[in-house]
Structures are given as structure tokens and as C-alpha cells.
Amino acid sequence: TSTPPPSPPHTTTPTTPQTQPNDTSDFFSDDVDLKNMQKGLSPRNSLHLSRKLTHAVTGIVMAGIYQWVPRKVFTGIAGGCSAGLLAVEILRYKKGFRWINRVYKSVFGGILRKHEMDGKFTGTFYYFAGITITALLFPPNAAVLGMCQLALADPSASFFGRKTKDVYWSRIEDGLGGLGRNKGVLGFLGGAVVCMPFNFLMLKAATMGGTITTAKMAWTSLAIGMAGSFAYLAV
């Protein structure tokens, strides 16, 4: 019987190291597909609790800051934020700056909505613009109370509106003069009721001339809350 010839020794062919893509360069490239960026973002009619919580906390923090800094300083801060946000909102849809959308989604993806990646501004700009205008037009105490209504009533009204969306009689299908389209009366009232205890405590702690009965203070607190809930119908 013949012996098979020995196998040739195994040799390893050296490989050329693969060049890794430049992740930083890719991240800041202008090749941004906005439709693809919308994936994973919540639609406008979703419950979106993280967005509502962020909305409330931001408003309370801004109102708190206004209690500690002079009016000129606060309007400067809020106005500067509004101007900066406006510039970013305009630029992120322009050629050469579309990478900003990638940054937005990376940082704020948990609170963004789909339409805010489809040519629309984010709600943050409108929020700070509203705070700035409020601080400019009204005395500090009134402005702070108004900011608190926006912080508490609007997200609360939206929450109750979503939870009661199947209550037919509450729905405002076609809107009332353009207001409240696809919103609900129960949502509007829910936001006002949430604000009522807060407003009652603020009015009770305030120094006011004359006397005001508990009943009047309660009704006034509810009315102020309803003014805050109006933002829910208007937007």
C-alpha cells in the first residue's frame, strides 16, 4: 500500500487592515433623510407623557427663575433663547445645516414629534417665544402666574383630552371658529381643574387689598386655570 504524499504547510495570507468610517464626519454630513428621521418619533395625537413632563418642568423652572432675577435679565435670557432657537429652526432645513436634525433627534428624540422632522418648527421655539412675550407685556407676578398656567394646564388638558377621546359628546370635531379642532371639552376642563389647587394657594399667599371670600378665590382659581387650558384648544 502506498503512503499518501504529505500536505503542503498551511500558510496565512496577511490581510490589510480595514479603514473604519469616520463616524464624526458621517454624523455632521448634510445627507439627511427627514422621512427616515421620523421613524421612532411619536405622532401628534399620541399621549407622549415624556413630552408633557418636560413641558411642565420647563415652565415651572422658567417661572422660578423669573422670581429671582430682574425683569430685564429674564427677558434678555428668554429673548436670547427664542432668537437662538428661531435661527436653529430655520437653518436646520437649509442646505449645509441639515445635520442639525441629526443632533436634534440624538438629544431630544424622546420628546420630538414626527411633524417636527417634516419642515415644521419644534414646539420649543413657540414655548420660549410665548414666555418672552408674556414677560414683556405683563407685570412680573402676573407673568409668572401665566407661565405656571401654561406649564400645568396645557399638558394636563392634552392628557385628559387623549384619555377621554372616546367620549363623543366631549369632542369638538370641526372646531369652534378654528379653535379646538379634534380636541375635547373634558380635556379643557381637566387642565383647568389641575391648575385650580395651585392657583388657590398662590392667591391665598398673595397680598391683596381688601378681603376675598374662599368661594370667590376658588372660582377665580378655576377661571385662571381655564385661561391656561385655552392654549390646549388654540394649538
Protein backbone atom coordinates (compact mmCIF):
# COMPACT_ATOMS: atom_id res chain seq x y z
CA THR A 1 0.00 0.00 0.00
CA SER A 2 1.43 3.40 -0.98
CA THR A 3 1.66 6.25 1.53
CA PRO A 4 -0.18 9.49 0.51
CA PRO A 5 2.12 12.47 -0.05
CA PRO A 6 2.32 14.93 2.85
CA SER A 7 0.09 18.02 2.72
CA PRO A 8 1.82 21.33 2.00
CA PRO A 9 2.36 23.50 5.07
CA HIS A 10 -0.52 25.87 5.87
CA THR A 11 0.33 29.50 5.27
CA THR A 12 -1.63 32.54 6.39
CA THR A 13 -2.03 35.35 3.92
CA PRO A 14 -1.63 38.70 5.68
CA THR A 15 -4.71 40.91 5.45
CA THR A 16 -4.78 44.63 5.03
CA PRO A 17 -6.45 46.40 7.97
CA GLN A 18 -9.84 47.81 7.03
CA THR A 19 -10.20 51.55 7.31
CA GLN A 20 -13.01 52.43 9.70
CA PRO A 21 -15.52 55.05 8.55
CA ASN A 22 -15.21 58.44 10.12
CA ASP A 23 -18.28 58.45 12.39
CA THR A 24 -17.89 62.14 13.23
CA SER A 25 -17.79 63.07 9.55
CA ASP A 26 -20.87 60.95 8.83
CA PHE A 27 -22.74 62.49 11.76
CA PHE A 28 -22.17 66.02 10.51
CA SER A 29 -22.78 65.24 6.84
CA ASP A 30 -25.61 67.03 5.07
CA ASP A 31 -27.05 63.77 3.74
CA VAL A 32 -30.13 63.67 5.96
CA ASP A 33 -33.32 61.82 5.04
CA LEU A 34 -36.03 63.57 7.05
CA LYS A 35 -38.59 60.87 6.33
CA ASN A 36 -36.21 58.30 7.77
CA MET A 37 -35.52 60.59 10.74
CA GLN A 38 -39.23 60.46 11.62
CA LYS A 39 -39.02 56.75 12.41
CA GLY A 40 -39.46 56.10 16.11
CA LEU A 41 -40.90 59.56 16.82
CA SER A 42 -44.37 59.95 18.29
CA PRO A 43 -47.26 61.30 16.18
CA ARG A 44 -49.02 64.49 17.22
CA ASN A 45 -52.07 62.70 18.63
CA SER A 46 -50.09 60.36 20.91
CA LEU A 47 -50.18 60.56 24.72
CA HIS A 48 -46.41 61.29 24.84
CA LEU A 49 -46.00 61.59 28.61
CA SER A 50 -42.27 62.41 28.46
CA ARG A 51 -43.03 65.49 26.35
CA LYS A 52 -45.77 66.62 28.72
CA LEU A 53 -43.50 66.22 31.74
CA THR A 54 -40.72 68.18 30.01
CA HIS A 55 -43.25 70.88 29.11
CA ALA A 56 -44.39 71.21 32.74
CA VAL A 57 -40.93 71.16 34.31
CA THR A 58 -39.52 73.72 31.86
CA GLY A 59 -42.37 76.14 32.52
CA ILE A 60 -42.07 75.87 36.30
CA VAL A 61 -38.29 76.31 36.14
CA MET A 62 -38.61 79.42 33.95
CA ALA A 63 -41.26 80.86 36.27
CA GLY A 64 -38.96 80.15 39.23
CA ILE A 65 -36.03 81.90 37.54
CA TYR A 66 -38.21 84.96 36.95
CA GLN A 67 -38.84 85.15 40.68
CA TRP A 68 -35.11 85.53 41.34
CA VAL A 69 -33.79 87.73 38.54
CA PRO A 70 -34.73 91.26 37.42
CA ARG A 71 -37.20 91.68 34.58
CA LYS A 72 -34.55 92.98 32.16
CA VAL A 73 -32.30 90.00 32.83
CA PHE A 74 -35.12 87.49 32.41
CA THR A 75 -36.45 88.99 29.18
CA GLY A 76 -32.88 89.04 27.90
CA ILE A 77 -32.43 85.35 28.69
CA ALA A 78 -35.82 84.30 27.30
CA GLY A 79 -35.46 86.57 24.26
CA GLY A 80 -31.97 85.26 23.56
CA CYS A 81 -33.21 81.67 23.76
CA SER A 82 -36.09 82.49 21.42
CA ALA A 83 -33.80 84.17 18.88
CA GLY A 84 -31.29 81.32 19.03
CA LEU A 85 -33.99 78.71 18.62
CA LEU A 86 -35.52 80.59 15.68
CA ALA A 87 -32.13 80.67 13.93
CA VAL A 88 -31.62 76.95 14.50
CA GLU A 89 -35.13 76.09 13.33
CA ILE A 90 -34.61 78.00 10.08
CA LEU A 91 -31.09 76.69 9.46
CA ARG A 92 -31.80 73.00 10.07
CA TYR A 93 -33.86 72.81 6.87
CA LYS A 94 -31.25 74.67 4.80
CA LYS A 95 -28.53 73.04 2.73
CA GLY A 96 -25.32 72.75 4.69
CA PHE A 97 -27.08 72.67 8.06
CA ARG A 98 -29.40 69.68 7.73
CA TRP A 99 -27.11 67.71 10.07
CA ILE A 100 -28.68 69.75 12.88
CA ASN A 101 -31.72 67.46 12.55
CA ARG A 102 -29.50 64.52 13.40
CA VAL A 103 -28.33 66.33 16.55
CA TYR A 104 -31.93 67.17 17.43
CA LYS A 105 -33.03 63.57 17.22
CA SER A 106 -29.99 62.30 19.12
CA VAL A 107 -30.55 64.72 22.02
CA PHE A 108 -34.31 65.33 22.02
CA GLY A 109 -35.66 62.21 20.29
CA GLY A 110 -37.69 61.25 23.35
CA ILE A 111 -39.81 64.41 23.19
CA LEU A 112 -39.89 65.20 19.47
CA ARG A 113 -42.92 64.56 17.26
CA LYS A 114 -42.93 63.32 13.69
CA HIS A 115 -44.18 66.57 12.17
CA GLU A 116 -41.24 68.40 13.79
CA MET A 117 -38.97 66.50 11.40
CA ASP A 118 -41.09 67.33 8.39
CA GLY A 119 -40.45 71.00 7.73
CA LYS A 120 -42.22 72.26 10.88
CA PHE A 121 -40.66 74.11 13.79
CA THR A 122 -40.43 72.33 17.14
CA GLY A 123 -42.73 73.43 19.95
CA THR A 124 -39.72 74.65 21.95
CA PHE A 125 -39.38 77.81 19.89
CA TYR A 126 -43.06 78.75 20.31
CA TYR A 127 -42.82 77.94 24.01
CA PHE A 128 -39.91 80.32 24.65
CA ALA A 129 -41.36 82.96 22.35
CA GLY A 130 -44.59 82.86 24.38
CA ILE A 131 -42.69 83.17 27.65
CA THR A 132 -40.71 86.14 26.29
CA ILE A 133 -43.81 87.98 25.09
CA THR A 134 -45.58 87.32 28.39
CA ALA A 135 -42.65 88.73 30.38
CA LEU A 136 -42.52 91.82 28.18
CA LEU A 137 -46.24 92.62 28.26
CA PHE A 138 -47.26 91.89 31.85
CA PRO A 139 -46.04 92.70 35.37
CA PRO A 140 -43.75 90.02 36.86
CA ASN A 141 -46.33 88.49 39.23
CA ALA A 142 -48.97 88.19 36.51
CA ALA A 143 -46.40 86.86 34.04
CA VAL A 144 -45.18 84.20 36.48
CA LEU A 145 -48.73 83.04 37.17
CA GLY A 146 -49.38 82.90 33.44
CA MET A 147 -46.24 80.81 32.84
CA CYS A 148 -47.38 78.38 35.52
CA GLN A 149 -50.75 78.02 33.79
CA LEU A 150 -49.01 77.20 30.52
CA ALA A 151 -46.76 74.73 32.32
CA LEU A 152 -49.57 72.89 34.14
CA ALA A 153 -52.81 73.40 32.22
CA ASP A 154 -51.70 72.74 28.64
CA PRO A 155 -50.10 69.29 29.18
CA SER A 156 -52.84 68.30 31.66
CA ALA A 157 -55.60 69.30 29.23
CA SER A 158 -53.88 67.33 26.48
CA PHE A 159 -53.59 64.29 28.78
CA PHE A 160 -57.28 64.33 29.75
CA GLY A 161 -58.25 65.07 26.17
CA ARG A 162 -56.49 61.92 24.98
CA LYS A 163 -57.93 59.83 27.82
CA THR A 164 -61.49 60.96 27.01
CA LYS A 165 -61.18 60.86 23.22
CA ASP A 166 -63.93 58.21 23.02
CA VAL A 167 -66.47 60.36 24.88
CA TYR A 168 -68.43 61.50 21.86
CA TRP A 169 -70.26 64.50 23.33
CA SER A 170 -66.97 65.97 24.56
CA ARG A 171 -65.29 66.06 21.15
CA ILE A 172 -65.01 69.28 19.13
CA GLU A 173 -64.68 67.68 15.72
CA ASP A 174 -64.64 70.70 13.39
CA GLY A 175 -63.58 73.30 15.90
CA LEU A 176 -65.28 76.43 17.16
CA GLY A 177 -64.22 79.28 14.93
CA GLY A 178 -60.97 77.45 14.24
CA LEU A 179 -60.37 76.55 17.88
CA GLY A 180 -60.34 73.10 19.42
CA ARG A 181 -60.38 71.03 16.24
CA ASN A 182 -60.24 67.35 17.26
CA LYS A 183 -59.88 68.39 20.89
CA GLY A 184 -62.28 67.79 23.78
CA VAL A 185 -64.28 69.80 26.32
CA LEU A 186 -63.34 67.31 29.05
CA GLY A 187 -59.66 67.83 28.26
CA PHE A 188 -60.10 71.60 28.52
CA LEU A 189 -61.88 71.30 31.88
CA GLY A 190 -59.37 68.73 33.16
CA GLY A 191 -56.47 71.12 32.61
CA ALA A 192 -58.33 73.90 34.45
CA VAL A 193 -59.11 71.64 37.42
CA VAL A 194 -55.45 70.55 37.70
CA CYS A 195 -54.40 74.21 37.96
CA MET A 196 -57.11 75.13 40.44
CA PRO A 197 -55.38 74.00 43.70
CA PHE A 198 -52.10 75.64 42.66
CA ASN A 199 -53.85 78.89 41.79
CA PHE A 200 -55.82 78.83 45.02
CA LEU A 201 -52.62 78.53 47.07
CA MET A 202 -50.94 81.32 45.08
CA LEU A 203 -53.89 83.67 45.53
CA LYS A 204 -54.15 82.82 49.20
CA ALA A 205 -50.48 83.62 49.71
CA ALA A 206 -50.68 86.87 47.72
CA THR A 207 -51.03 90.21 49.44
CA MET A 208 -54.27 91.75 48.19
CA GLY A 209 -56.12 94.79 49.29
CA GLY A 210 -59.50 94.19 50.92
CA THR A 211 -60.91 90.75 51.60
CA ILE A 212 -61.95 87.95 49.27
CA THR A 213 -64.11 85.01 50.28
CA THR A 214 -62.95 81.43 49.91
CA ALA A 215 -65.67 80.77 47.33
CA LYS A 216 -64.61 83.72 45.18
CA MET A 217 -60.99 82.66 45.45
CA ALA A 218 -61.91 79.13 44.32
CA TRP A 219 -63.89 80.35 41.32
CA THR A 220 -61.11 82.78 40.39
CA SER A 221 -58.58 79.94 40.61
CA LEU A 222 -60.68 77.85 38.26
CA ALA A 223 -61.11 80.75 35.82
CA ILE A 224 -57.35 81.31 35.69
CA GLY A 225 -56.86 77.59 35.06
CA MET A 226 -59.36 77.75 32.19
CA ALA A 227 -57.33 80.58 30.68
CA GLY A 228 -54.31 78.29 30.81
CA SER A 229 -56.27 75.43 29.24
CA PHE A 230 -57.19 77.71 26.35
CA ALA A 231 -53.68 77.01 24.95
CA TYR A 232 -54.78 73.39 24.51
CA LEU A 233 -57.67 74.47 22.28
CA ALA A 234 -55.67 77.08 20.40
CA VAL A 235 -52.76 74.89 19.30
